[in-house]
N, C-alpha and C. Protein backbone atom coordinates (compact mmCIF):
# COMPACT_ATOMS: atom_id res chain seq x y z
N VAL A 1 157.02 126.90 63.65
CA VAL A 1 156.90 128.23 63.12
C VAL A 1 157.67 128.64 61.73
N ILE A 2 158.65 127.90 61.51
CA ILE A 2 159.23 127.94 60.26
C ILE A 2 158.42 127.33 59.08
N LYS A 3 157.76 126.30 59.44
CA LYS A 3 156.90 125.53 58.51
C LYS A 3 155.61 126.50 58.13
N HIS A 4 155.22 127.30 59.12
CA HIS A 4 154.15 128.23 58.99
C HIS A 4 154.29 129.47 58.23
N LEU A 5 155.70 129.92 58.45
CA LEU A 5 156.07 131.09 57.86
C LEU A 5 156.50 130.85 56.40
N LEU A 6 156.92 129.58 56.16
CA LEU A 6 157.38 129.25 54.71
C LEU A 6 155.98 129.02 53.87
N SER A 7 154.94 128.52 54.40
CA SER A 7 153.68 128.40 53.87
C SER A 7 153.13 129.83 53.46
N LEU A 8 153.31 130.74 54.51
CA LEU A 8 152.88 132.17 54.21
C LEU A 8 153.58 132.82 53.08
N PHE A 9 154.86 132.64 53.26
CA PHE A 9 155.84 133.12 52.03
C PHE A 9 155.48 132.70 50.79
N HIS A 10 155.16 131.30 50.54
CA HIS A 10 154.78 130.95 49.32
C HIS A 10 153.41 131.50 48.92
N MET A 11 152.57 131.73 49.88
CA MET A 11 151.14 132.30 49.46
C MET A 11 151.29 133.83 49.11
N PHE A 12 151.92 134.56 49.81
CA PHE A 12 151.99 135.92 49.79
C PHE A 12 153.30 136.53 49.21
N GLY A 13 154.35 135.84 49.23
CA GLY A 13 155.61 136.43 49.03
C GLY A 13 156.41 136.54 50.31
N THR A 14 157.70 136.72 50.17
CA THR A 14 158.77 136.89 51.42
C THR A 14 158.54 138.31 51.70
N PRO A 15 158.26 138.62 53.06
CA PRO A 15 158.18 139.99 53.47
C PRO A 15 159.51 140.69 53.73
N ALA A 16 159.81 142.00 53.81
CA ALA A 16 160.99 142.45 54.15
C ALA A 16 161.51 142.26 55.54
N PHE A 17 160.53 142.19 56.38
CA PHE A 17 160.61 142.28 57.87
C PHE A 17 159.46 141.64 58.38
N VAL A 18 159.94 140.79 59.63
CA VAL A 18 158.93 140.15 60.60
C VAL A 18 159.13 140.89 62.00
N HIS A 19 157.96 141.34 62.48
CA HIS A 19 158.10 141.93 63.87
C HIS A 19 157.34 140.94 64.67
N SER A 20 157.93 140.69 65.85
CA SER A 20 157.39 139.65 66.82
C SER A 20 157.61 140.13 68.30
N ASP A 21 157.10 139.60 69.06
CA ASP A 21 157.52 139.75 70.70
C ASP A 21 158.73 138.82 70.88
N ARG A 22 158.92 138.51 72.01
CA ARG A 22 160.17 137.81 72.39
C ARG A 22 159.91 136.49 72.71
N GLY A 23 158.68 135.72 72.30
CA GLY A 23 158.32 134.27 72.60
C GLY A 23 159.56 133.30 72.09
N SER A 24 159.65 132.54 72.93
CA SER A 24 160.96 131.55 72.64
C SER A 24 161.01 130.95 71.34
N SER A 25 159.74 130.77 70.86
CA SER A 25 159.63 130.03 69.47
C SER A 25 159.90 131.33 68.18
N LEU A 26 160.11 132.35 68.63
CA LEU A 26 160.27 133.52 67.84
C LEU A 26 161.53 133.96 67.88
N ILE A 27 162.28 133.37 68.91
CA ILE A 27 163.88 134.05 69.06
C ILE A 27 165.01 133.11 68.73
N SER A 28 164.63 131.84 68.37
CA SER A 28 165.32 130.53 68.36
C SER A 28 166.36 130.94 67.27
N GLN A 29 167.71 130.37 67.38
CA GLN A 29 168.64 130.56 66.36
C GLN A 29 168.32 130.00 65.12
N GLU A 30 167.44 128.89 65.14
CA GLU A 30 166.96 128.19 63.94
C GLU A 30 166.05 129.08 62.89
N LEU A 31 165.08 129.83 63.63
CA LEU A 31 164.42 130.78 63.21
C LEU A 31 165.30 132.13 62.71
N LYS A 32 166.20 132.41 63.42
CA LYS A 32 167.06 133.67 62.90
C LYS A 32 167.84 133.24 61.60
N THR A 33 168.26 131.97 61.53
CA THR A 33 169.08 131.35 60.37
C THR A 33 168.14 131.35 59.08
N PHE A 34 166.79 130.77 59.27
CA PHE A 34 166.00 130.74 58.31
C PHE A 34 165.59 132.15 57.73
N LEU A 35 165.25 132.94 58.61
CA LEU A 35 164.79 134.27 58.25
C LEU A 35 165.99 135.26 57.46
N THR A 36 167.36 134.94 57.92
CA THR A 36 168.40 135.59 57.24
C THR A 36 168.64 135.00 55.90
N ALA A 37 168.57 133.52 56.09
CA ALA A 37 168.87 133.04 54.65
C ALA A 37 167.78 133.50 53.40
N ASN A 38 166.43 133.97 53.95
CA ASN A 38 165.45 134.17 53.12
C ASN A 38 165.49 135.90 53.03
N GLY A 39 166.33 136.68 53.45
CA GLY A 39 166.66 138.04 53.23
C GLY A 39 165.47 138.88 54.18
N VAL A 40 165.07 138.09 55.28
CA VAL A 40 164.04 138.93 56.06
C VAL A 40 164.84 139.59 57.24
N ALA A 41 164.54 140.80 57.53
CA ALA A 41 165.06 141.50 58.72
C ALA A 41 163.98 141.29 59.86
N THR A 42 164.32 141.29 60.95
CA THR A 42 163.41 141.17 62.05
C THR A 42 163.62 142.36 63.21
N SER A 43 162.67 142.54 63.73
CA SER A 43 162.36 143.49 64.77
C SER A 43 161.50 142.77 66.01
N ARG A 44 161.84 143.47 67.15
CA ARG A 44 161.01 142.83 68.34
C ARG A 44 160.67 143.98 69.38
N THR A 45 159.41 143.46 69.81
CA THR A 45 158.99 144.49 70.77
C THR A 45 159.98 144.51 72.26
N THR A 46 159.76 145.60 72.93
CA THR A 46 160.79 145.41 74.12
C THR A 46 160.03 144.63 75.23
N PRO A 47 160.82 144.11 76.11
CA PRO A 47 160.48 143.12 76.83
C PRO A 47 159.55 143.51 77.86
N TYR A 48 158.50 142.83 78.28
CA TYR A 48 157.58 143.17 79.33
C TYR A 48 156.75 144.37 78.76
N ASN A 49 156.55 144.52 77.41
CA ASN A 49 155.73 145.83 76.93
C ASN A 49 154.77 145.36 75.87
N PRO A 50 153.67 144.72 76.28
CA PRO A 50 152.62 144.38 75.36
C PRO A 50 152.28 145.39 74.48
N GLN A 51 152.27 146.70 75.05
CA GLN A 51 151.76 148.02 74.27
C GLN A 51 152.54 148.01 72.96
N GLY A 52 153.96 147.55 72.69
CA GLY A 52 154.68 147.65 71.37
C GLY A 52 153.87 146.77 70.48
N ASN A 53 153.01 145.85 70.89
CA ASN A 53 152.32 145.12 69.83
C ASN A 53 150.83 145.53 70.07
N GLY A 54 150.43 146.61 70.35
CA GLY A 54 149.08 147.10 70.72
C GLY A 54 148.07 146.67 69.69
N GLN A 55 148.25 146.97 68.37
CA GLN A 55 147.23 146.66 67.46
C GLN A 55 146.96 145.00 67.36
N THR A 56 148.27 144.47 67.46
CA THR A 56 147.91 142.92 67.68
C THR A 56 147.51 142.39 68.83
N GLU A 57 147.63 142.93 69.76
CA GLU A 57 147.27 142.43 71.13
C GLU A 57 145.60 142.79 71.23
N ARG A 58 145.20 143.86 70.55
CA ARG A 58 143.79 144.19 70.45
C ARG A 58 143.00 143.14 69.70
N TYR A 59 143.72 142.80 68.37
CA TYR A 59 142.97 141.96 67.64
C TYR A 59 142.94 140.50 68.07
N ASN A 60 144.06 140.20 68.84
CA ASN A 60 143.90 138.97 69.65
C ASN A 60 142.69 138.98 70.43
N GLY A 61 142.51 140.06 70.99
CA GLY A 61 141.35 140.06 72.06
C GLY A 61 139.89 139.83 71.29
N ILE A 62 139.87 140.40 70.22
CA ILE A 62 138.71 140.31 69.08
C ILE A 62 138.53 138.70 68.91
N ILE A 63 139.71 138.25 68.41
CA ILE A 63 139.68 136.72 68.13
C ILE A 63 139.02 135.91 69.08
N TRP A 64 139.68 136.19 70.47
CA TRP A 64 139.34 135.40 71.57
C TRP A 64 137.91 135.49 71.99
N LYS A 65 137.46 136.70 71.85
CA LYS A 65 135.80 136.93 72.14
C LYS A 65 135.18 136.19 71.27
N THR A 66 135.47 136.14 70.04
CA THR A 66 134.66 135.37 68.85
C THR A 66 134.86 133.96 69.26
N VAL A 67 135.86 133.47 69.57
CA VAL A 67 136.24 132.02 69.88
C VAL A 67 135.17 131.68 70.97
N GLN A 68 135.24 132.53 72.07
CA GLN A 68 134.40 132.20 73.29
C GLN A 68 132.93 132.07 73.06
N LEU A 69 132.62 133.07 72.07
CA LEU A 69 131.04 133.14 71.60
C LEU A 69 130.75 131.78 70.88
N ALA A 70 131.63 131.30 70.00
CA ALA A 70 131.43 130.18 69.23
C ALA A 70 131.41 128.93 70.18
N LEU A 71 132.24 128.87 71.22
CA LEU A 71 132.37 127.86 72.24
C LEU A 71 131.06 127.87 72.99
N GLN A 72 130.48 128.98 73.52
CA GLN A 72 129.12 129.05 74.20
C GLN A 72 128.09 128.44 73.36
N ASN A 73 128.10 128.99 72.10
CA ASN A 73 127.07 128.65 71.05
C ASN A 73 126.79 127.11 71.02
N ARG A 74 128.12 126.51 71.19
CA ARG A 74 128.11 124.85 70.94
C ARG A 74 128.20 124.12 72.20
N LYS A 75 127.96 124.98 73.22
CA LYS A 75 128.06 124.20 74.59
C LYS A 75 129.48 123.67 74.84
N MET A 76 130.43 124.14 74.30
CA MET A 76 132.11 123.43 74.35
C MET A 76 132.68 124.18 75.55
N LYS A 77 133.62 123.40 75.97
CA LYS A 77 134.67 123.78 76.91
C LYS A 77 135.71 124.69 76.33
N PRO A 78 136.28 125.88 77.16
CA PRO A 78 137.34 126.56 76.68
C PRO A 78 138.59 125.88 76.23
N THR A 79 138.80 124.70 76.81
CA THR A 79 139.88 123.91 76.12
C THR A 79 139.66 123.46 74.94
N GLN A 80 138.47 123.42 74.42
CA GLN A 80 138.24 122.81 73.13
C GLN A 80 138.22 124.02 71.80
N TRP A 81 139.04 125.20 72.35
CA TRP A 81 138.84 126.37 71.23
C TRP A 81 139.63 126.13 70.00
N GLN A 82 140.42 125.08 69.88
CA GLN A 82 140.90 124.87 68.51
C GLN A 82 139.90 124.40 67.42
N PHE A 83 138.87 123.73 68.11
CA PHE A 83 137.68 123.29 67.16
C PHE A 83 136.86 124.40 66.64
N VAL A 84 136.68 125.48 67.08
CA VAL A 84 135.99 126.62 66.55
C VAL A 84 136.76 127.84 66.01
N LEU A 85 138.14 127.84 66.17
CA LEU A 85 139.03 128.58 65.71
C LEU A 85 138.82 129.13 64.24
N ASP A 86 138.69 128.21 63.37
CA ASP A 86 138.66 128.56 62.14
C ASP A 86 137.42 129.15 61.77
N GLU A 87 136.35 128.63 62.21
CA GLU A 87 134.93 129.31 62.09
C GLU A 87 134.97 130.83 62.55
N ALA A 88 135.71 131.04 63.80
CA ALA A 88 135.70 132.19 64.31
C ALA A 88 136.52 133.21 63.35
N LEU A 89 137.50 132.91 62.77
CA LEU A 89 138.12 133.55 61.85
C LEU A 89 137.50 133.99 60.77
N HIS A 90 136.66 132.80 60.11
CA HIS A 90 136.00 133.08 59.12
C HIS A 90 134.89 134.36 59.15
N CYS A 91 134.41 134.23 60.37
CA CYS A 91 133.22 135.36 60.67
C CYS A 91 133.84 136.74 60.76
N ILE A 92 135.10 136.86 61.51
CA ILE A 92 135.92 138.06 61.43
C ILE A 92 136.16 138.59 60.13
N ARG A 93 136.70 137.57 59.27
CA ARG A 93 137.09 138.08 58.02
C ARG A 93 135.95 138.37 57.08
N SER A 94 134.72 138.18 57.49
CA SER A 94 133.65 138.29 56.75
C SER A 94 132.78 139.52 57.03
N LEU A 95 133.10 140.19 58.19
CA LEU A 95 132.61 141.41 58.83
C LEU A 95 132.85 142.66 57.95
N LEU A 96 131.77 143.42 57.58
CA LEU A 96 132.15 144.40 56.70
C LEU A 96 132.60 145.63 57.75
N CYS A 97 133.61 146.21 57.23
CA CYS A 97 134.36 147.47 57.82
C CYS A 97 133.57 148.62 57.32
N THR A 98 133.10 149.38 58.11
CA THR A 98 132.32 150.57 57.74
C THR A 98 133.29 151.58 57.10
N SER A 99 134.58 151.95 57.51
CA SER A 99 135.32 152.95 57.11
C SER A 99 135.87 152.37 55.77
N THR A 100 135.92 151.21 55.38
CA THR A 100 136.56 150.81 53.95
C THR A 100 135.53 150.38 52.97
N ASN A 101 134.24 149.94 53.68
CA ASN A 101 133.09 149.40 53.00
C ASN A 101 133.50 148.22 52.29
N ALA A 102 134.37 147.51 53.09
CA ALA A 102 134.71 146.09 52.46
C ALA A 102 135.24 145.14 53.78
N THR A 103 135.12 144.09 53.62
CA THR A 103 135.47 142.99 54.68
C THR A 103 136.95 142.82 54.45
N PRO A 104 137.73 142.19 55.46
CA PRO A 104 138.97 141.95 55.55
C PRO A 104 139.48 141.07 54.30
N HIS A 105 138.55 140.10 54.22
CA HIS A 105 138.69 139.12 52.96
C HIS A 105 138.86 139.90 51.58
N GLU A 106 137.75 140.85 51.46
CA GLU A 106 137.85 141.48 50.14
C GLU A 106 138.90 142.43 50.03
N ARG A 107 139.45 143.09 51.03
CA ARG A 107 140.52 143.76 50.98
C ARG A 107 141.81 143.11 50.76
N MET A 108 142.05 141.96 51.18
CA MET A 108 143.26 140.96 50.88
C MET A 108 143.19 140.32 49.45
N PHE A 109 141.92 139.84 49.04
CA PHE A 109 141.91 139.17 48.01
C PHE A 109 141.12 139.75 46.67
N VAL A 110 140.45 140.96 47.13
CA VAL A 110 139.80 141.72 45.90
C VAL A 110 138.70 140.74 45.37
N HIS A 111 138.08 140.18 46.12
CA HIS A 111 136.77 139.51 45.57
C HIS A 111 136.00 139.12 46.98
N GLN A 112 134.63 138.88 46.78
CA GLN A 112 133.62 138.60 47.98
C GLN A 112 134.03 137.36 48.21
N ARG A 113 133.85 137.02 49.32
CA ARG A 113 133.98 135.52 49.87
C ARG A 113 132.53 134.94 49.71
N ARG A 114 132.52 133.72 49.23
CA ARG A 114 131.13 133.03 49.50
C ARG A 114 131.10 132.33 50.86
N SER A 115 129.80 132.34 51.40
CA SER A 115 129.68 132.00 52.84
C SER A 115 128.33 131.42 52.99
N HIS A 116 128.20 130.43 53.73
CA HIS A 116 126.97 130.24 54.33
C HIS A 116 126.34 130.66 55.57
N TYR A 117 127.29 131.56 56.16
CA TYR A 117 126.88 132.15 57.37
C TYR A 117 126.32 133.39 57.45
């Protein structure tokens, strides 16, 4: 987790806070020390309350549905999800949002993504 957070911090800057569920990898002393050393405050959802992360849970559902469609399209087993995840995320990030008239990629990076899909 720390390795991936560090990569994100280098790419996008260090956030003021990180909000997470109470997964064991997200409440370790090592992670707490890392975040504190980098000046990052933390907050957590209440136990057994996925609604506390409602927006994230909803988006995870969209990601999983897209992964399932990619698996079906390639006649692959659900256990092979990691082989289609990047493509699924690419598709989601390339979808036009009608309320903003931009894709998630365009909103994040302020330019259109080149794609062969």
